[in-house]
């Protein structure tokens, strides 16, 4: 339904004049006439019996006028309710995010939320997944965005985005010169790993164990950016999020290796188990996550 045409029709009937309606609505008279013709075509009826000396609303025109007022009234009420809702959503949301999510995914989400709910203050903590989950459990944080699925007691979670873990290798690393890599060629190299409690660290440890990869040594670095820079400098190999690699312009370091398959994981939203503990502001934040990542 063309709401602009309905509004124009109501104004024409109220003013009993196309000229005065065009002046009030700041539209040209041909535009006003076009709106009325559009409605008459839509309803397949004459709405106004008009001539140079007469202006009379037809019987069917009266029916449309009545319903048009009801429709626009409902729309105005809906707009007021939405504005009132946004005015009510105030306060603070304490958001926790793991390093990968917090550094590369959360900023655009915060921007979208802040545009829709400008009265809500946002406090962000970026730490490893284990700490974020713990602080949501303790209610130090209202909501968390972490790596992997969450099964901790007292927490509820749902996945919102897929991520892939890939191997990155320094440009001048010896294994890049091997024409046919054997299983032994993958042994006894230096691997750069994240700190304990990191979701990325857990994924790497699982990968090394699953594929029986034996590191010569490990170097622990407590940030994704530091890990990528370490690989760029030739310190060693790493197993890290493709999201991180993409955002740090390090795609050239990705190297498919035999015996090691890329692994898919999820980023998850974490909240307290009890819905009563989830505030209106947090519900709005969760809704924005679902909207942006097209979750039903």
Protein backbone atom coordinates (compact mmCIF):
# COMPACT_ATOMS: atom_id res chain seq x y z
CA UNK A 1 0.00 0.00 0.00
CA UNK A 2 1.23 3.50 -0.91
CA UNK A 3 1.09 5.39 2.40
CA UNK A 4 2.06 8.66 0.74
CA UNK A 5 -0.97 8.45 -1.55
CA UNK A 6 -3.22 7.67 1.43
CA UNK A 7 -1.89 10.69 3.29
CA UNK A 8 -2.45 12.89 0.25
CA UNK A 9 -6.00 11.58 -0.19
CA UNK A 10 -6.90 12.27 3.45
CA UNK A 11 -5.56 15.83 3.16
CA UNK A 12 -7.50 16.47 -0.07
CA UNK A 13 -10.74 15.25 1.52
CA UNK A 14 -10.15 17.20 4.75
CA UNK A 15 -9.42 20.42 2.84
CA UNK A 16 -12.02 19.73 0.12
CA UNK A 17 -9.46 21.13 -2.30
CA UNK A 18 -6.59 19.82 -4.38
CA UNK A 19 -4.97 23.26 -4.31
CA UNK A 20 -4.96 23.65 -0.51
CA UNK A 21 -3.78 20.05 -0.10
CA UNK A 22 -0.84 20.67 -2.40
CA UNK A 23 0.07 23.79 -0.41
CA UNK A 24 -0.13 22.00 2.96
CA UNK A 25 1.84 18.99 1.74
CA UNK A 26 4.28 21.11 -0.26
CA UNK A 27 3.58 19.05 -3.37
CA UNK A 28 2.77 20.20 -6.87
CA UNK A 29 -0.89 19.89 -7.93
CA UNK A 30 -0.02 17.35 -10.66
CA UNK A 31 1.64 15.22 -7.97
CA UNK A 32 -1.45 15.43 -5.75
CA UNK A 33 -3.67 14.46 -8.68
CA UNK A 34 -1.32 11.59 -9.51
CA UNK A 35 -1.59 10.22 -5.94
CA UNK A 36 -5.39 10.26 -6.15
CA UNK A 37 -5.40 8.57 -9.56
CA UNK A 38 -3.05 5.92 -8.20
CA UNK A 39 -5.47 5.10 -5.38
CA UNK A 40 -8.43 5.02 -7.74
CA UNK A 41 -6.56 2.52 -9.89
CA UNK A 42 -5.61 0.53 -6.79
CA UNK A 43 -9.22 0.28 -5.60
CA UNK A 44 -10.75 0.30 -9.10
CA UNK A 45 -13.26 3.01 -8.16
CA UNK A 46 -13.80 6.76 -8.35
CA UNK A 47 -12.97 8.32 -4.98
CA UNK A 48 -13.84 11.95 -5.63
CA UNK A 49 -16.47 13.30 -8.01
CA UNK A 50 -14.71 16.42 -9.10
CA UNK A 51 -15.48 19.13 -11.62
CA UNK A 52 -14.58 22.84 -11.90
CA UNK A 53 -17.55 23.73 -9.68
CA UNK A 54 -18.01 20.63 -7.54
CA UNK A 55 -16.00 18.52 -5.06
CA UNK A 56 -17.79 15.50 -3.65
CA UNK A 57 -16.46 12.32 -2.09
CA UNK A 58 -18.16 9.26 -3.56
CA UNK A 59 -19.64 6.51 -1.39
CA UNK A 60 -16.68 4.22 -2.04
CA UNK A 61 -14.41 7.21 -1.53
CA UNK A 62 -15.85 7.60 1.95
CA UNK A 63 -15.08 3.94 2.71
CA UNK A 64 -11.47 4.34 1.59
CA UNK A 65 -11.14 7.60 3.55
CA UNK A 66 -12.28 5.89 6.77
CA UNK A 67 -9.89 2.95 6.36
CA UNK A 68 -7.03 5.22 5.26
CA UNK A 69 -7.33 7.15 8.52
CA UNK A 70 -7.26 3.88 10.46
CA UNK A 71 -4.20 2.60 8.57
CA UNK A 72 -2.21 5.81 9.02
CA UNK A 73 -3.29 5.97 12.66
CA UNK A 74 -1.92 2.49 13.27
CA UNK A 75 1.35 3.38 11.51
CA UNK A 76 1.74 6.56 13.58
CA UNK A 77 1.14 4.54 16.74
CA UNK A 78 3.77 2.00 15.67
CA UNK A 79 6.30 4.77 15.05
CA UNK A 80 5.62 6.27 18.47
CA UNK A 81 5.97 2.90 20.16
CA UNK A 82 9.31 2.25 18.43
CA UNK A 83 10.61 5.72 19.39
CA UNK A 84 9.42 5.19 22.93
CA UNK A 85 11.14 1.79 23.02
CA UNK A 86 14.46 3.26 21.90
CA UNK A 87 14.13 6.07 24.44
CA UNK A 88 13.64 3.46 27.17
CA UNK A 89 16.72 1.41 26.25
CA UNK A 90 19.33 3.15 28.34
CA UNK A 91 21.96 2.13 30.85
CA UNK A 92 25.14 0.11 30.37
CA UNK A 93 26.08 -3.14 28.66
CA UNK A 94 29.30 -4.82 29.79
CA UNK A 95 30.56 -6.87 26.85
CA UNK A 96 33.40 -9.35 26.96
CA UNK A 97 35.11 -10.63 23.83
CA UNK A 98 37.93 -13.03 23.12
CA UNK A 99 40.89 -11.52 21.32
CA UNK A 100 39.97 -12.73 17.84
CA UNK A 101 36.37 -11.54 18.11
CA UNK A 102 37.19 -8.38 20.03
CA UNK A 103 39.92 -7.18 17.71
CA UNK A 104 38.40 -7.98 14.32
CA UNK A 105 34.62 -8.60 14.55
CA UNK A 106 33.25 -6.67 17.53
CA UNK A 107 33.99 -3.09 16.34
CA UNK A 108 31.48 -3.16 13.45
CA UNK A 109 28.91 -4.77 15.75
CA UNK A 110 29.40 -2.05 18.36
CA UNK A 111 28.95 0.63 15.71
CA UNK A 112 25.65 -0.84 14.51
CA UNK A 113 24.35 -1.19 18.08
CA UNK A 114 25.44 2.31 19.08
CA UNK A 115 23.68 3.84 16.08
CA UNK A 116 20.38 2.23 17.08
CA UNK A 117 20.72 2.61 20.85
CA UNK A 118 22.77 5.78 21.40
CA UNK A 119 21.65 6.12 25.03
CA UNK A 120 23.31 2.84 26.06
CA UNK A 121 26.88 3.05 27.38
CA UNK A 122 29.14 0.25 26.20
CA UNK A 123 32.00 -1.17 28.25
CA UNK A 124 34.20 -3.71 26.49
CA UNK A 125 36.68 -6.16 28.00
CA UNK A 126 38.96 -8.11 25.66
CA UNK A 127 40.58 -11.19 27.13
CA UNK A 128 40.91 -14.90 26.35
CA UNK A 129 37.79 -17.05 26.06
CA UNK A 130 38.28 -18.79 29.40
CA UNK A 131 38.33 -15.48 31.30
CA UNK A 132 35.32 -14.09 29.40
CA UNK A 133 33.25 -17.19 30.21
CA UNK A 134 34.25 -17.00 33.86
CA UNK A 135 33.31 -13.32 34.15
CA UNK A 136 29.92 -13.91 32.53
CA UNK A 137 29.39 -16.69 35.10
CA UNK A 138 30.28 -14.26 37.88
CA UNK A 139 28.08 -11.52 36.36
CA UNK A 140 31.07 -9.22 36.05
CA UNK A 141 30.18 -9.14 32.35
CA UNK A 142 26.65 -9.10 30.90
CA UNK A 143 27.41 -10.94 27.67
CA UNK A 144 30.41 -12.55 25.99
CA UNK A 145 31.53 -13.23 22.43
CA UNK A 146 34.02 -16.09 22.47
CA UNK A 147 35.73 -18.72 20.39
CA UNK A 148 34.22 -22.19 20.21
CA UNK A 149 31.11 -23.67 21.77
CA UNK A 150 30.50 -23.18 25.47
CA UNK A 151 29.39 -25.89 27.90
CA UNK A 152 30.28 -24.23 31.20
CA UNK A 153 27.80 -24.58 34.05
CA UNK A 154 25.43 -21.67 34.45
CA UNK A 155 26.00 -20.38 30.91
CA UNK A 156 23.90 -20.43 27.78
CA UNK A 157 25.36 -19.91 24.30
CA UNK A 158 24.65 -20.02 20.61
CA UNK A 159 27.00 -19.84 17.58
CA UNK A 160 26.80 -16.73 15.43
CA UNK A 161 29.71 -17.06 12.97
CA UNK A 162 31.89 -19.75 11.41
CA UNK A 163 35.65 -19.42 11.47
CA UNK A 164 38.43 -21.52 9.96
CA UNK A 165 41.80 -22.32 11.50
CA UNK A 166 44.73 -22.38 9.08
CA UNK A 167 48.47 -23.03 9.23
CA UNK A 168 50.70 -20.04 8.53
CA UNK A 169 54.37 -20.52 7.66
CA UNK A 170 57.22 -17.97 7.33
CA UNK A 171 58.18 -17.07 3.77
CA UNK A 172 61.70 -18.48 4.14
CA UNK A 173 60.84 -21.58 6.20
CA UNK A 174 62.56 -24.85 5.13
CA UNK A 175 59.30 -26.74 4.59
CA UNK A 176 58.38 -24.30 1.81
CA UNK A 177 61.34 -25.68 -0.14
CA UNK A 178 60.24 -29.33 0.15
CA UNK A 179 58.72 -30.60 -3.09
CA UNK A 180 56.96 -33.56 -1.47
CA UNK A 181 56.41 -33.03 2.23
CA UNK A 182 56.52 -36.20 4.29
CA UNK A 183 55.12 -36.66 7.78
CA UNK A 184 58.65 -36.44 9.20
CA UNK A 185 59.20 -33.10 7.46
CA UNK A 186 56.47 -31.66 9.72
CA UNK A 187 58.20 -32.69 12.94
CA UNK A 188 60.56 -30.74 15.21
CA UNK A 189 59.73 -27.19 14.16
CA UNK A 190 59.08 -24.15 16.33
CA UNK A 191 55.40 -23.29 16.74
CA UNK A 192 54.09 -19.94 17.99
CA UNK A 193 51.13 -20.41 20.32
CA UNK A 194 48.73 -18.22 22.25
CA UNK A 195 48.56 -18.09 26.04
CA UNK A 196 46.77 -20.67 28.20
CA UNK A 197 42.99 -20.13 28.34
CA UNK A 198 42.86 -18.90 24.75
CA UNK A 199 40.42 -20.62 22.40
CA UNK A 200 43.05 -20.42 19.68
CA UNK A 201 45.60 -22.11 21.98
CA UNK A 202 43.14 -24.93 22.68
CA UNK A 203 42.55 -25.44 18.95
CA UNK A 204 46.28 -25.60 18.24
CA UNK A 205 46.98 -28.07 21.04
CA UNK A 206 44.14 -30.26 19.79
CA UNK A 207 45.50 -30.11 16.23
CA UNK A 208 49.07 -31.00 17.24
CA UNK A 209 47.83 -33.93 19.32
CA UNK A 210 45.36 -35.17 16.68
CA UNK A 211 47.95 -35.22 13.91
CA UNK A 212 50.87 -36.35 16.13
CA UNK A 213 52.87 -33.24 15.32
CA UNK A 214 55.93 -32.97 17.58
CA UNK A 215 57.14 -29.37 18.08
CA UNK A 216 60.83 -28.78 18.70
CA UNK A 217 59.82 -25.85 20.92
CA UNK A 218 56.92 -23.45 21.39
CA UNK A 219 56.91 -19.67 21.75
CA UNK A 220 53.94 -18.18 23.59
CA UNK A 221 52.64 -14.77 22.51
CA UNK A 222 49.54 -13.27 24.12
CA UNK A 223 47.94 -11.61 21.11
CA UNK A 224 46.85 -12.58 17.60
CA UNK A 225 48.72 -9.69 16.05
CA UNK A 226 51.89 -10.73 17.89
CA UNK A 227 51.54 -14.31 16.62
CA UNK A 228 51.20 -13.17 13.00
CA UNK A 229 54.12 -10.78 13.34
CA UNK A 230 56.20 -13.58 14.83
CA UNK A 231 55.50 -15.77 11.80
CA UNK A 232 56.29 -12.86 9.46
CA UNK A 233 59.65 -12.48 11.24
CA UNK A 234 60.43 -16.17 10.78
CA UNK A 235 60.11 -17.28 14.43
CA UNK A 236 58.05 -20.33 13.58
CA UNK A 237 54.77 -21.76 12.29
CA UNK A 238 51.36 -21.19 13.79
CA UNK A 239 47.77 -22.44 13.64
CA UNK A 240 45.48 -19.43 13.75
CA UNK A 241 42.13 -18.00 12.73
CA UNK A 242 41.68 -17.19 9.05
CA UNK A 243 39.78 -14.09 10.24
CA UNK A 244 42.96 -12.85 11.91
CA UNK A 245 45.09 -13.67 8.89
CA UNK A 246 42.74 -11.77 6.57
CA UNK A 247 42.60 -8.68 8.80
CA UNK A 248 46.38 -8.56 9.17
CA UNK A 249 47.10 -8.86 5.43
CA UNK A 250 48.94 -12.15 5.95
CA UNK A 251 47.11 -14.38 3.47
CA UNK A 252 50.40 -15.11 1.71
CA UNK A 253 51.58 -16.97 4.82
CA UNK A 254 48.81 -19.59 4.64
CA UNK A 255 50.23 -22.94 3.57
CA UNK A 256 48.14 -26.08 3.08
CA UNK A 257 50.07 -28.96 4.61
CA UNK A 258 49.61 -32.69 4.06
CA UNK A 259 48.32 -34.56 7.11
CA UNK A 260 46.91 -31.31 8.61
CA UNK A 261 43.40 -30.31 7.60
CA UNK A 262 41.93 -26.81 8.09
CA UNK A 263 39.56 -26.91 11.04
CA UNK A 264 36.21 -25.12 11.30
CA UNK A 265 35.11 -23.64 14.60
CA UNK A 266 32.42 -21.20 15.71
CA UNK A 267 32.30 -17.89 17.50
CA UNK A 268 29.56 -17.93 20.14
CA UNK A 269 27.44 -15.49 22.13
CA UNK A 270 27.52 -16.35 25.85
CA UNK A 271 24.97 -15.23 28.46
CA UNK A 272 23.86 -16.35 31.92
CA UNK A 273 21.61 -19.41 31.81
CA UNK A 274 18.66 -17.65 33.44
CA UNK A 275 16.78 -15.31 31.09
CA UNK A 276 15.74 -13.23 34.09
CA UNK A 277 19.39 -12.14 34.43
CA UNK A 278 19.52 -10.82 30.85
CA UNK A 279 18.65 -7.12 30.79
CA UNK A 280 16.67 -5.32 28.10
CA UNK A 281 19.88 -3.67 26.87
CA UNK A 282 21.58 -7.05 26.50
CA UNK A 283 18.53 -8.51 24.74
CA UNK A 284 18.80 -5.63 22.26
CA UNK A 285 22.53 -6.39 21.78
CA UNK A 286 21.81 -10.08 21.15
CA UNK A 287 19.10 -9.05 18.69
CA UNK A 288 21.61 -6.91 16.82
CA UNK A 289 24.06 -9.85 16.61
CA UNK A 290 21.31 -12.05 15.15
CA UNK A 291 20.31 -9.33 12.70
CA UNK A 292 23.82 -8.65 11.42
CA UNK A 293 24.75 -12.31 11.10
CA UNK A 294 21.32 -13.23 9.66
CA UNK A 295 20.40 -15.72 12.35
CA UNK A 296 16.79 -16.80 12.75
